[in-house]
Amino acid sequence: MTPLLVYLFLAAQDGSEQSRFFDERVAPILRKNCLACHNHELADGDVSFEDRETLVKVRAKRGAAVVPGEPEKSALVHAIRRDGDVQMPPGNKLAAADVETLIDWIRRGAPWGAQPK
């Protein structure tokens, strides 16, 4: 299935289910590992994890942190896999399950729920 078809399929799912996935699975990872540096105030690397719009915004140097429906095109995926110049989070790697959750979230179209704060 192409990324566009996957995105359209998942977008058609109940929005509350997608919001719940974000709130219960994704937001805790972002709060624990990303928001201390990647917020509106600090915007480390010109990325804030406080809202979806900032994550999907195309930045001059690295493109979008998150390309909804396309994990392989998302700078975030390369950073958390540590397969490029940028390796996040600093220090310890994310648990493999957390990496897979974030990849799944992007594959689903990066649905948003409540603010991750």
PDB file of N, CA and C in Angstrom:
ATOM      1  N   MET A   1       0.847  -1.172   0.000  1.00  0.00           N
ATOM      2  CA  MET A   1       0.000   0.000   0.000  1.00  0.00           C
ATOM      3  C   MET A   1       0.894   1.237   0.000  1.00  0.00           C
ATOM      4  N   THR A   2       0.589   2.203  -0.841  1.00  0.00           N
ATOM      5  CA  THR A   2       1.409   3.412  -0.915  1.00  0.00           C
ATOM      6  C   THR A   2       1.183   4.279   0.325  1.00  0.00           C
ATOM      7  N   PRO A   3       2.163   5.121   0.656  1.00  0.00           N
ATOM      8  CA  PRO A   3       1.993   5.985   1.829  1.00  0.00           C
ATOM      9  C   PRO A   3       0.734   6.849   1.747  1.00  0.00           C
ATOM     10  N   LEU A   4       0.391   7.308   0.547  1.00  0.00           N
ATOM     11  CA  LEU A   4      -0.801   8.141   0.411  1.00  0.00           C
ATOM     12  C   LEU A   4      -2.055   7.353   0.748  1.00  0.00           C
ATOM     13  N   LEU A   5      -2.144   6.113   0.271  1.00  0.00           N
ATOM     14  CA  LEU A   5      -3.310   5.283   0.584  1.00  0.00           C
ATOM     15  C   LEU A   5      -3.395   4.976   2.067  1.00  0.00           C
ATOM     16  N   VAL A   6      -2.252   4.693   2.683  1.00  0.00           N
ATOM     17  CA  VAL A   6      -2.235   4.444   4.128  1.00  0.00           C
ATOM     18  C   VAL A   6      -2.718   5.688   4.865  1.00  0.00           C
ATOM     19  N   TYR A   7      -2.215   6.840   4.458  1.00  0.00           N
ATOM     20  CA  TYR A   7      -2.612   8.098   5.094  1.00  0.00           C
ATOM     21  C   TYR A   7      -4.118   8.323   4.956  1.00  0.00           C
ATOM     22  N   LEU A   8      -4.656   8.119   3.753  1.00  0.00           N
ATOM     23  CA  LEU A   8      -6.085   8.328   3.534  1.00  0.00           C
ATOM     24  C   LEU A   8      -6.918   7.338   4.341  1.00  0.00           C
ATOM     25  N   PHE A   9      -6.472   6.095   4.395  1.00  0.00           N
ATOM     26  CA  PHE A   9      -7.182   5.093   5.191  1.00  0.00           C
ATOM     27  C   PHE A   9      -7.219   5.489   6.657  1.00  0.00           C
ATOM     28  N   LEU A  10      -6.065   5.865   7.182  1.00  0.00           N
ATOM     29  CA  LEU A  10      -5.997   6.205   8.600  1.00  0.00           C
ATOM     30  C   LEU A  10      -6.719   7.510   8.905  1.00  0.00           C
ATOM     31  N   ALA A  11      -6.686   8.431   7.960  1.00  0.00           N
ATOM     32  CA  ALA A  11      -7.399   9.700   8.154  1.00  0.00           C
ATOM     33  C   ALA A  11      -8.897   9.459   8.235  1.00  0.00           C
ATOM     34  N   ALA A  12      -9.368   8.415   7.561  1.00  0.00           N
ATOM     35  CA  ALA A  12     -10.787   8.095   7.575  1.00  0.00           C
ATOM     36  C   ALA A  12     -11.226   7.441   8.884  1.00  0.00           C
ATOM     37  N   GLN A  13     -10.272   6.932   9.660  1.00  0.00           N
ATOM     38  CA  GLN A  13     -10.613   6.314  10.938  1.00  0.00           C
ATOM     39  C   GLN A  13     -11.167   7.370  11.880  1.00  0.00           C
ATOM     40  N   ASP A  14     -11.830   6.918  12.884  1.00  0.00           N
ATOM     41  CA  ASP A  14     -12.392   7.805  13.899  1.00  0.00           C
ATOM     42  C   ASP A  14     -11.308   8.724  14.461  1.00  0.00           C
ATOM     43  N   GLY A  15     -11.526  10.024  14.376  1.00  0.00           N
ATOM     44  CA  GLY A  15     -10.552  10.998  14.855  1.00  0.00           C
ATOM     45  C   GLY A  15     -10.238  10.854  16.327  1.00  0.00           C
ATOM     46  N   SER A  16     -11.228  10.435  17.111  1.00  0.00           N
ATOM     47  CA  SER A  16     -10.972  10.294  18.545  1.00  0.00           C
ATOM     48  C   SER A  16     -10.010   9.141  18.811  1.00  0.00           C
ATOM     49  N   GLU A  17     -10.074   8.093  17.984  1.00  0.00           N
ATOM     50  CA  GLU A  17      -9.129   6.980  18.138  1.00  0.00           C
ATOM     51  C   GLU A  17      -7.709   7.452  17.846  1.00  0.00           C
ATOM     52  N   GLN A  18      -7.564   8.255  16.811  1.00  0.00           N
ATOM     53  CA  GLN A  18      -6.244   8.777  16.456  1.00  0.00           C
ATOM     54  C   GLN A  18      -5.739   9.741  17.536  1.00  0.00           C
ATOM     55  N   SER A  19      -6.619  10.585  18.041  1.00  0.00           N
ATOM     56  CA  SER A  19      -6.243  11.506  19.122  1.00  0.00           C
ATOM     57  C   SER A  19      -5.821  10.736  20.361  1.00  0.00           C
ATOM     58  N   ARG A  20      -6.541   9.677  20.653  1.00  0.00           N
ATOM     59  CA  ARG A  20      -6.215   8.850  21.819  1.00  0.00           C
ATOM     60  C   ARG A  20      -4.842   8.187  21.637  1.00  0.00           C
ATOM     61  N   PHE A  21      -4.562   7.713  20.421  1.00  0.00           N
ATOM     62  CA  PHE A  21      -3.246   7.129  20.137  1.00  0.00           C
ATOM     63  C   PHE A  21      -2.159   8.152  20.440  1.00  0.00           C
ATOM     64  N   PHE A  22      -2.350   9.386  19.977  1.00  0.00           N
ATOM     65  CA  PHE A  22      -1.371  10.434  20.252  1.00  0.00           C
ATOM     66  C   PHE A  22      -1.245  10.680  21.753  1.00  0.00           C
ATOM     67  N   ASP A  23      -2.378  10.911  22.400  1.00  0.00           N
ATOM     68  CA  ASP A  23      -2.361  11.272  23.820  1.00  0.00           C
ATOM     69  C   ASP A  23      -1.778  10.179  24.712  1.00  0.00           C
ATOM     70  N   GLU A  24      -2.095   8.926  24.404  1.00  0.00           N
ATOM     71  CA  GLU A  24      -1.672   7.827  25.267  1.00  0.00           C
ATOM     72  C   GLU A  24      -0.310   7.245  24.918  1.00  0.00           C
ATOM     73  N   ARG A  25       0.072   7.287  23.657  1.00  0.00           N
ATOM     74  CA  ARG A  25       1.302   6.615  23.245  1.00  0.00           C
ATOM     75  C   ARG A  25       2.409   7.579  22.825  1.00  0.00           C
ATOM     76  N   VAL A  26       2.052   8.619  22.065  1.00  0.00           N
ATOM     77  CA  VAL A  26       3.066   9.519  21.495  1.00  0.00           C
ATOM     78  C   VAL A  26       3.427  10.647  22.455  1.00  0.00           C
ATOM     79  N   ALA A  27       2.436  11.341  22.970  1.00  0.00           N
ATOM     80  CA  ALA A  27       2.700  12.492  23.841  1.00  0.00           C
ATOM     81  C   ALA A  27       3.622  12.170  25.014  1.00  0.00           C
ATOM     82  N   PRO A  28       3.464  11.019  25.693  1.00  0.00           N
ATOM     83  CA  PRO A  28       4.390  10.725  26.788  1.00  0.00           C
ATOM     84  C   PRO A  28       5.851  10.618  26.329  1.00  0.00           C
ATOM     85  N   ILE A  29       6.076  10.094  25.137  1.00  0.00           N
ATOM     86  CA  ILE A  29       7.448  10.009  24.608  1.00  0.00           C
ATOM     87  C   ILE A  29       7.990  11.409  24.348  1.00  0.00           C
ATOM     88  N   LEU A  30       7.168  12.266  23.741  1.00  0.00           N
ATOM     89  CA  LEU A  30       7.601  13.635  23.451  1.00  0.00           C
ATOM     90  C   LEU A  30       7.873  14.411  24.733  1.00  0.00           C
ATOM     91  N   ARG A  31       6.971  14.269  25.719  1.00  0.00           N
ATOM     92  CA  ARG A  31       7.169  14.968  27.002  1.00  0.00           C
ATOM     93  C   ARG A  31       8.467  14.536  27.668  1.00  0.00           C
ATOM     94  N   LYS A  32       8.707  13.255  27.695  1.00  0.00           N
ATOM     95  CA  LYS A  32       9.870  12.721  28.404  1.00  0.00           C
ATOM     96  C   LYS A  32      11.187  13.005  27.692  1.00  0.00           C
ATOM     97  N   ASN A  33      11.185  12.999  26.367  1.00  0.00           N
ATOM     98  CA  ASN A  33      12.447  13.009  25.628  1.00  0.00           C
ATOM     99  C   ASN A  33      12.705  14.231  24.750  1.00  0.00           C
ATOM    100  N   CYS A  34      11.694  15.036  24.481  1.00  0.00           N
ATOM    101  CA  CYS A  34      11.867  16.079  23.472  1.00  0.00           C
ATOM    102  C   CYS A  34      11.566  17.497  23.948  1.00  0.00           C
ATOM    103  N   LEU A  35      10.506  17.660  24.716  1.00  0.00           N
ATOM    104  CA  LEU A  35       9.989  18.996  25.019  1.00  0.00           C
ATOM    105  C   LEU A  35      10.903  19.880  25.859  1.00  0.00           C
ATOM    106  N   ALA A  36      11.817  19.316  26.595  1.00  0.00           N
ATOM    107  CA  ALA A  36      12.706  20.154  27.408  1.00  0.00           C
ATOM    108  C   ALA A  36      13.520  21.108  26.530  1.00  0.00           C
ATOM    109  N   CYS A  37      13.883  20.666  25.350  1.00  0.00           N
ATOM    110  CA  CYS A  37      14.680  21.495  24.435  1.00  0.00           C
ATOM    111  C   CYS A  37      13.884  21.967  23.223  1.00  0.00           C
ATOM    112  N   HIS A  38      12.980  21.121  22.750  1.00  0.00           N
ATOM    113  CA  HIS A  38      12.227  21.430  21.531  1.00  0.00           C
ATOM    114  C   HIS A  38      10.839  21.940  21.898  1.00  0.00           C
ATOM    115  N   ASN A  39      10.803  23.208  22.323  1.00  0.00           N
ATOM    116  CA  ASN A  39       9.548  23.857  22.682  1.00  0.00           C
ATOM    117  C   ASN A  39       9.533  25.237  22.033  1.00  0.00           C
ATOM    118  N   HIS A  40       8.433  25.955  22.153  1.00  0.00           N
ATOM    119  CA  HIS A  40       8.323  27.263  21.497  1.00  0.00           C
ATOM    120  C   HIS A  40       9.333  28.273  22.032  1.00  0.00           C
ATOM    121  N   GLU A  41       9.667  28.154  23.287  1.00  0.00           N
ATOM    122  CA  GLU A  41      10.599  29.107  23.891  1.00  0.00           C
ATOM    123  C   GLU A  41      12.030  28.876  23.406  1.00  0.00           C
ATOM    124  N   LEU A  42      12.499  27.633  23.433  1.00  0.00           N
ATOM    125  CA  LEU A  42      13.876  27.329  23.049  1.00  0.00           C
ATOM    126  C   LEU A  42      14.000  26.967  21.570  1.00  0.00           C
ATOM    127  N   ALA A  43      13.049  26.220  21.061  1.00  0.00           N
ATOM    128  CA  ALA A  43      13.024  25.793  19.650  1.00  0.00           C
ATOM    129  C   ALA A  43      14.396  25.318  19.180  1.00  0.00           C
ATOM    130  N   ASP A  44      15.018  24.455  19.969  1.00  0.00           N
ATOM    131  CA  ASP A  44      16.325  23.907  19.613  1.00  0.00           C
ATOM    132  C   ASP A  44      16.250  23.265  18.229  1.00  0.00           C
ATOM    133  N   GLY A  45      17.181  23.615  17.357  1.00  0.00           N
ATOM    134  CA  GLY A  45      17.190  23.085  16.002  1.00  0.00           C
ATOM    135  C   GLY A  45      16.027  23.598  15.170  1.00  0.00           C
ATOM    136  N   ASP A  46      15.419  24.692  15.597  1.00  0.00           N
ATOM    137  CA  ASP A  46      14.265  25.278  14.909  1.00  0.00           C
ATOM    138  C   ASP A  46      13.078  24.317  14.881  1.00  0.00           C
ATOM    139  N   VAL A  47      12.956  23.477  15.917  1.00  0.00           N
ATOM    140  CA  VAL A  47      11.854  22.516  16.001  1.00  0.00           C
ATOM    141  C   VAL A  47      11.215  22.597  17.381  1.00  0.00           C
ATOM    142  N   SER A  48       9.899  22.693  17.392  1.00  0.00           N
ATOM    143  CA  SER A  48       9.143  22.630  18.638  1.00  0.00           C
ATOM    144  C   SER A  48       8.156  21.474  18.545  1.00  0.00           C
ATOM    145  N   PHE A  49       8.066  20.691  19.606  1.00  0.00           N
ATOM    146  CA  PHE A  49       7.129  19.576  19.669  1.00  0.00           C
ATOM    147  C   PHE A  49       5.843  19.972  20.395  1.00  0.00           C
ATOM    148  N   GLU A  50       5.603  21.278  20.519  1.00  0.00           N
ATOM    149  CA  GLU A  50       4.405  21.726  21.220  1.00  0.00           C
ATOM    150  C   GLU A  50       3.166  21.751  20.331  1.00  0.00           C
ATOM    151  N   ASP A  51       3.328  21.768  19.017  1.00  0.00           N
ATOM    152  CA  ASP A  51       2.169  21.713  18.136  1.00  0.00           C
ATOM    153  C   ASP A  51       2.532  21.047  16.817  1.00  0.00           C
ATOM    154  N   ARG A  52       1.544  20.516  16.177  1.00  0.00           N
ATOM    155  CA  ARG A  52       1.736  19.764  14.935  1.00  0.00           C
ATOM    156  C   ARG A  52       2.247  20.658  13.807  1.00  0.00           C
ATOM    157  N   GLU A  53       1.710  21.873  13.721  1.00  0.00           N
ATOM    158  CA  GLU A  53       2.079  22.781  12.633  1.00  0.00           C
ATOM    159  C   GLU A  53       3.582  23.031  12.582  1.00  0.00           C
ATOM    160  N   THR A  54       4.195  23.170  13.729  1.00  0.00           N
ATOM    161  CA  THR A  54       5.640  23.411  13.781  1.00  0.00           C
ATOM    162  C   THR A  54       6.413  22.182  13.327  1.00  0.00           C
ATOM    163  N   LEU A  55       5.936  21.004  13.670  1.00  0.00           N
ATOM    164  CA  LEU A  55       6.633  19.770  13.291  1.00  0.00           C
ATOM    165  C   LEU A  55       6.575  19.495  11.796  1.00  0.00           C
ATOM    166  N   VAL A  56       5.488  19.846  11.158  1.00  0.00           N
ATOM    167  CA  VAL A  56       5.350  19.547   9.733  1.00  0.00           C
ATOM    168  C   VAL A  56       5.848  20.686   8.851  1.00  0.00           C
ATOM    169  N   LYS A  57       6.228  21.801   9.473  1.00  0.00           N
ATOM    170  CA  LYS A  57       6.744  22.953   8.713  1.00  0.00           C
ATOM    171  C   LYS A  57       8.085  22.585   8.072  1.00  0.00           C
ATOM    172  N   VAL A  58       8.232  22.893   6.805  1.00  0.00           N
ATOM    173  CA  VAL A  58       9.484  22.624   6.100  1.00  0.00           C
ATOM    174  C   VAL A  58      10.501  23.683   6.511  1.00  0.00           C
ATOM    175  N   ARG A  59      11.658  23.212   6.986  1.00  0.00           N
ATOM    176  CA  ARG A  59      12.744  24.099   7.393  1.00  0.00           C
ATOM    177  C   ARG A  59      13.823  24.063   6.311  1.00  0.00           C
ATOM    178  N   ALA A  60      14.521  25.154   6.159  1.00  0.00           N
ATOM    179  CA  ALA A  60      15.492  25.297   5.074  1.00  0.00           C
ATOM    180  C   ALA A  60      16.571  24.217   5.080  1.00  0.00           C
ATOM    181  N   LYS A  61      17.148  23.929   6.219  1.00  0.00           N
ATOM    182  CA  LYS A  61      18.302  23.020   6.258  1.00  0.00           C
ATOM    183  C   LYS A  61      17.937  21.546   6.219  1.00  0.00           C
ATOM    184  N   ARG A  62      16.848  21.157   6.874  1.00  0.00           N
ATOM    185  CA  ARG A  62      16.567  19.722   7.016  1.00  0.00           C
ATOM    186  C   ARG A  62      15.189  19.297   6.558  1.00  0.00           C
ATOM    187  N   GLY A  63      14.423  20.183   5.994  1.00  0.00           N
ATOM    188  CA  GLY A  63      13.057  19.820   5.622  1.00  0.00           C
ATOM    189  C   GLY A  63      12.183  19.746   6.858  1.00  0.00           C
ATOM    190  N   ALA A  64      11.085  19.037   6.751  1.00  0.00           N
ATOM    191  CA  ALA A  64      10.141  18.921   7.869  1.00  0.00           C
ATOM    192  C   ALA A  64      10.621  17.870   8.859  1.00  0.00           C
ATOM    193  N   ALA A  65      10.429  18.152  10.134  1.00  0.00           N
ATOM    194  CA  ALA A  65      10.749  17.156  11.155  1.00  0.00           C
ATOM    195  C   ALA A  65       9.846  15.947  10.976  1.00  0.00           C
ATOM    196  N   VAL A  66       8.593  16.192  10.613  1.00  0.00           N
ATOM    197  CA  VAL A  66       7.620  15.122  10.415  1.00  0.00           C
ATOM    198  C   VAL A  66       6.924  15.338   9.071  1.00  0.00           C
ATOM    199  N   VAL A  67       6.969  14.325   8.229  1.00  0.00           N
ATOM    200  CA  VAL A  67       6.226  14.322   6.971  1.00  0.00           C
ATOM    201  C   VAL A  67       5.086  13.328   7.157  1.00  0.00           C
ATOM    202  N   PRO A  68       3.863  13.817   7.418  1.00  0.00           N
ATOM    203  CA  PRO A  68       2.753  12.916   7.715  1.00  0.00           C
ATOM    204  C   PRO A  68       2.589  11.823   6.648  1.00  0.00           C
ATOM    205  N   GLY A  69       2.508  10.585   7.137  1.00  0.00           N
ATOM    206  CA  GLY A  69       2.337   9.446   6.261  1.00  0.00           C
ATOM    207  C   GLY A  69       3.625   8.911   5.661  1.00  0.00           C
ATOM    208  N   GLU A  70       4.754   9.598   5.879  1.00  0.00           N
ATOM    209  CA  GLU A  70       6.012   9.196   5.251  1.00  0.00           C
ATOM    210  C   GLU A  70       7.182   9.247   6.234  1.00  0.00           C
ATOM    211  N   PRO A  71       7.300   8.229   7.073  1.00  0.00           N
ATOM    212  CA  PRO A  71       8.372   8.223   8.079  1.00  0.00           C
ATOM    213  C   PRO A  71       9.774   8.343   7.482  1.00  0.00           C
ATOM    214  N   GLU A  72      10.006   7.719   6.339  1.00  0.00           N
ATOM    215  CA  GLU A  72      11.362   7.734   5.764  1.00  0.00           C
ATOM    216  C   GLU A  72      11.777   9.111   5.283  1.00  0.00           C
ATOM    217  N   LYS A  73      10.818  10.006   5.063  1.00  0.00           N
ATOM    218  CA  LYS A  73      11.121  11.377   4.648  1.00  0.00           C
ATOM    219  C   LYS A  73      11.154  12.334   5.837  1.00  0.00           C
ATOM    220  N   SER A  74      10.917  11.822   7.035  1.00  0.00           N
ATOM    221  CA  SER A  74      10.827  12.648   8.246  1.00  0.00           C
ATOM    222  C   SER A  74      12.178  12.731   8.946  1.00  0.00           C
ATOM    223  N   ALA A  75      12.668  13.959   9.142  1.00  0.00           N
ATOM    224  CA  ALA A  75      13.952  14.166   9.824  1.00  0.00           C
ATOM    225  C   ALA A  75      13.929  13.554  11.223  1.00  0.00           C
ATOM    226  N   LEU A  76      12.775  13.586  11.880  1.00  0.00           N
ATOM    227  CA  LEU A  76      12.666  13.003  13.221  1.00  0.00           C
ATOM    228  C   LEU A  76      13.047  11.529  13.217  1.00  0.00           C
ATOM    229  N   VAL A  77      12.599  10.782  12.241  1.00  0.00           N
ATOM    230  CA  VAL A  77      12.884   9.348  12.181  1.00  0.00           C
ATOM    231  C   VAL A  77      14.382   9.108  12.053  1.00  0.00           C
ATOM    232  N   HIS A  78      15.033   9.865  11.191  1.00  0.00           N
ATOM    233  CA  HIS A  78      16.482   9.692  11.023  1.00  0.00           C
ATOM    234  C   HIS A  78      17.226  10.064  12.305  1.00  0.00           C
ATOM    235  N   ALA A  79      16.732  11.089  13.000  1.00  0.00           N
ATOM    236  CA  ALA A  79      17.383  11.511  14.243  1.00  0.00           C
ATOM    237  C   ALA A  79      17.222  10.463  15.343  1.00  0.00           C
ATOM    238  N   ILE A  80      16.027   9.886  15.480  1.00  0.00           N
ATOM    239  CA  ILE A  80      15.827   8.909  16.562  1.00  0.00           C
ATOM    240  C   ILE A  80      16.405   7.542  16.221  1.00  0.00           C
ATOM    241  N   ARG A  81      16.587   7.273  14.929  1.00  0.00           N
ATOM    242  CA  ARG A  81      17.288   6.038  14.531  1.00  0.00           C
ATOM    243  C   ARG A  81      18.802   6.220  14.607  1.00  0.00           C
ATOM    244  N   ARG A  82      19.208   7.484  14.683  1.00  0.00           N
ATOM    245  CA  ARG A  82      20.628   7.856  14.768  1.00  0.00           C
ATOM    246  C   ARG A  82      21.390   7.420  13.520  1.00  0.00           C
ATOM    247  N   ASP A  83      20.757   7.589  12.362  1.00  0.00           N
ATOM    248  CA  ASP A  83      21.406   7.196  11.118  1.00  0.00           C
ATOM    249  C   ASP A  83      21.829   8.385  10.261  1.00  0.00           C
ATOM    250  N   GLY A  84      21.979   9.536  10.905  1.00  0.00           N
ATOM    251  CA  GLY A  84      22.421  10.736  10.192  1.00  0.00           C
ATOM    252  C   GLY A  84      23.269  11.603  11.091  1.00  0.00           C
ATOM    253  N   ASP A  85      23.467  12.842  10.662  1.00  0.00           N
ATOM    254  CA  ASP A  85      24.273  13.787  11.439  1.00  0.00           C
ATOM    255  C   ASP A  85      23.616  14.143  12.769  1.00  0.00           C
ATOM    256  N   VAL A  86      22.308  14.288  12.761  1.00  0.00           N
ATOM    257  CA  VAL A  86      21.567  14.641  13.973  1.00  0.00           C
ATOM    258  C   VAL A  86      21.120  13.353  14.650  1.00  0.00           C
ATOM    259  N   GLN A  87      21.461  13.213  15.921  1.00  0.00           N
ATOM    260  CA  GLN A  87      21.106  12.020  16.679  1.00  0.00           C
ATOM    261  C   GLN A  87      20.396  12.441  17.954  1.00  0.00           C
ATOM    262  N   MET A  88      19.146  12.055  18.066  1.00  0.00           N
ATOM    263  CA  MET A  88      18.313  12.463  19.182  1.00  0.00           C
ATOM    264  C   MET A  88      17.698  11.244  19.857  1.00  0.00           C
ATOM    265  N   PRO A  89      17.395  11.380  21.126  1.00  0.00           N
ATOM    266  CA  PRO A  89      17.781  12.476  22.001  1.00  0.00           C
ATOM    267  C   PRO A  89      19.263  12.376  22.348  1.00  0.00           C
ATOM    268  N   PRO A  90      19.834  13.477  22.824  1.00  0.00           N
ATOM    269  CA  PRO A  90      21.235  13.416  23.236  1.00  0.00           C
ATOM    270  C   PRO A  90      21.384  12.412  24.378  1.00  0.00           C
ATOM    271  N   GLY A  91      22.518  11.792  24.446  1.00  0.00           N
ATOM    272  CA  GLY A  91      22.745  10.808  25.509  1.00  0.00           C
ATOM    273  C   GLY A  91      22.196   9.461  25.116  1.00  0.00           C
ATOM    274  N   ASN A  92      21.332   8.923  25.952  1.00  0.00           N
ATOM    275  CA  ASN A  92      20.780   7.590  25.717  1.00  0.00           C
ATOM    276  C   ASN A  92      19.825   7.559  24.539  1.00  0.00           C
ATOM    277  N   LYS A  93      19.851   6.458  23.807  1.00  0.00           N
ATOM    278  CA  LYS A  93      18.928   6.247  22.702  1.00  0.00           C
ATOM    279  C   LYS A  93      17.521   6.023  23.248  1.00  0.00           C
ATOM    280  N   LEU A  94      16.545   6.314  22.406  1.00  0.00           N
ATOM    281  CA  LEU A  94      15.172   5.950  22.754  1.00  0.00           C
ATOM    282  C   LEU A  94      15.054   4.428  22.758  1.00  0.00           C
ATOM    283  N   ALA A  95      14.165   3.925  23.569  1.00  0.00           N
ATOM    284  CA  ALA A  95      13.865   2.495  23.549  1.00  0.00           C
ATOM    285  C   ALA A  95      13.319   2.140  22.170  1.00  0.00           C
ATOM    286  N   ALA A  96      13.624   0.943  21.702  1.00  0.00           N
ATOM    287  CA  ALA A  96      13.178   0.502  20.380  1.00  0.00           C
ATOM    288  C   ALA A  96      11.651   0.612  20.244  1.00  0.00           C
ATOM    289  N   ALA A  97      10.929   0.310  21.299  1.00  0.00           N
ATOM    290  CA  ALA A  97       9.463   0.402  21.255  1.00  0.00           C
ATOM    291  C   ALA A  97       9.012   1.847  21.044  1.00  0.00           C
ATOM    292  N   ASP A  98       9.714   2.804  21.651  1.00  0.00           N
ATOM    293  CA  ASP A  98       9.376   4.217  21.473  1.00  0.00           C
ATOM    294  C   ASP A  98       9.661   4.669  20.042  1.00  0.00           C
ATOM    295  N   VAL A  99      10.765   4.206  19.478  1.00  0.00           N
ATOM    296  CA  VAL A  99      11.090   4.533  18.084  1.00  0.00           C
ATOM    297  C   VAL A  99       9.978   4.006  17.182  1.00  0.00           C
ATOM    298  N   GLU A 100       9.561   2.779  17.394  1.00  0.00           N
ATOM    299  CA  GLU A 100       8.510   2.185  16.562  1.00  0.00           C
ATOM    300  C   GLU A 100       7.178   2.910  16.740  1.00  0.00           C
ATOM    301  N   THR A 101       6.884   3.356  17.958  1.00  0.00           N
ATOM    302  CA  THR A 101       5.649   4.111  18.200  1.00  0.00           C
ATOM    303  C   THR A 101       5.665   5.413  17.413  1.00  0.00           C
ATOM    304  N   LEU A 102       6.783   6.132  17.437  1.00  0.00           N
ATOM    305  CA  LEU A 102       6.870   7.391  16.701  1.00  0.00           C
ATOM    306  C   LEU A 102       6.779   7.170  15.194  1.00  0.00           C
ATOM    307  N   ILE A 103       7.400   6.103  14.713  1.00  0.00           N
ATOM    308  CA  ILE A 103       7.312   5.782  13.281  1.00  0.00           C
ATOM    309  C   ILE A 103       5.863   5.448  12.914  1.00  0.00           C
ATOM    310  N   ASP A 104       5.198   4.664  13.746  1.00  0.00           N
ATOM    311  CA  ASP A 104       3.797   4.316  13.507  1.00  0.00           C
ATOM    312  C   ASP A 104       2.933   5.568  13.510  1.00  0.00           C
ATOM    313  N   TRP A 105       3.182   6.473  14.429  1.00  0.00           N
ATOM    314  CA  TRP A 105       2.444   7.733  14.509  1.00  0.00           C
ATOM    315  C   TRP A 105       2.591   8.528  13.216  1.00  0.00           C
ATOM    316  N   ILE A 106       3.806   8.642  12.711  1.00  0.00           N
ATOM    317  CA  ILE A 106       4.026   9.373  11.459  1.00  0.00           C
ATOM    318  C   ILE A 106       3.336   8.640  10.308  1.00  0.00           C
ATOM    319  N   ARG A 107       3.462   7.322  10.267  1.00  0.00           N
ATOM    320  CA  ARG A 107       2.812   6.516   9.226  1.00  0.00           C
ATOM    321  C   ARG A 107       1.300   6.740   9.235  1.00  0.00           C
ATOM    322  N   ARG A 108       0.704   6.928  10.409  1.00  0.00           N
ATOM    323  CA  ARG A 108      -0.731   7.178  10.548  1.00  0.00           C
ATOM    324  C   ARG A 108      -1.124   8.594  10.099  1.00  0.00           C
ATOM    325  N   GLY A 109      -0.151   9.412   9.745  1.00  0.00           N
ATOM    326  CA  GLY A 109      -0.442  10.780   9.340  1.00  0.00           C
ATOM    327  C   GLY A 109      -0.133  11.802  10.409  1.00  0.00           C
ATOM    328  N   ALA A 110       0.559  11.374  11.472  1.00  0.00           N
ATOM    329  CA  ALA A 110       0.927  12.245  12.603  1.00  0.00           C
ATOM    330  C   ALA A 110      -0.295  12.952  13.189  1.00  0.00           C
ATOM    331  N   PRO A 111      -1.331  12.164  13.550  1.00  0.00           N
ATOM    332  CA  PRO A 111      -2.511  12.782  14.153  1.00  0.00           C
ATOM    333  C   PRO A 111      -2.147  13.433  15.483  1.00  0.00           C
ATOM    334  N   TRP A 112      -2.875  14.454  15.831  1.00  0.00           N
ATOM    335  CA  TRP A 112      -2.603  15.208  17.050  1.00  0.00           C
ATOM    336  C   TRP A 112      -3.758  15.051  18.012  1.00  0.00           C
ATOM    337  N   GLY A 113      -3.465  15.159  19.271  1.00  0.00           N
ATOM    338  CA  GLY A 113      -4.489  15.115  20.311  1.00  0.00           C
ATOM    339  C   GLY A 113      -4.394  16.387  21.126  1.00  0.00           C
ATOM    340  N   ALA A 114      -4.397  16.234  22.426  1.00  0.00           N
ATOM    341  CA  ALA A 114      -4.183  17.374  23.320  1.00  0.00           C
ATOM    342  C   ALA A 114      -2.716  17.774  23.229  1.00  0.00           C
ATOM    343  N   GLN A 115      -2.399  18.933  23.706  1.00  0.00           N
ATOM    344  CA  GLN A 115      -0.997  19.369  23.713  1.00  0.00           C
ATOM    345  C   GLN A 115      -0.169  18.382  24.527  1.00  0.00           C
ATOM    346  N   PRO A 116       1.061  18.087  24.100  1.00  0.00           N
ATOM    347  CA  PRO A 116       1.878  17.108  24.831  1.00  0.00           C
ATOM    348  C   PRO A 116       2.404  17.600  26.168  1.00  0.00           C
ATOM    349  N   LYS A 117       2.236  18.863  26.496  1.00  0.00           N
ATOM    350  CA  LYS A 117       2.755  19.400  27.763  1.00  0.00           C
ATOM    351  C   LYS A 117       2.074  18.766  28.942  1.00  0.00           C
TER     352      LYS A 117
END
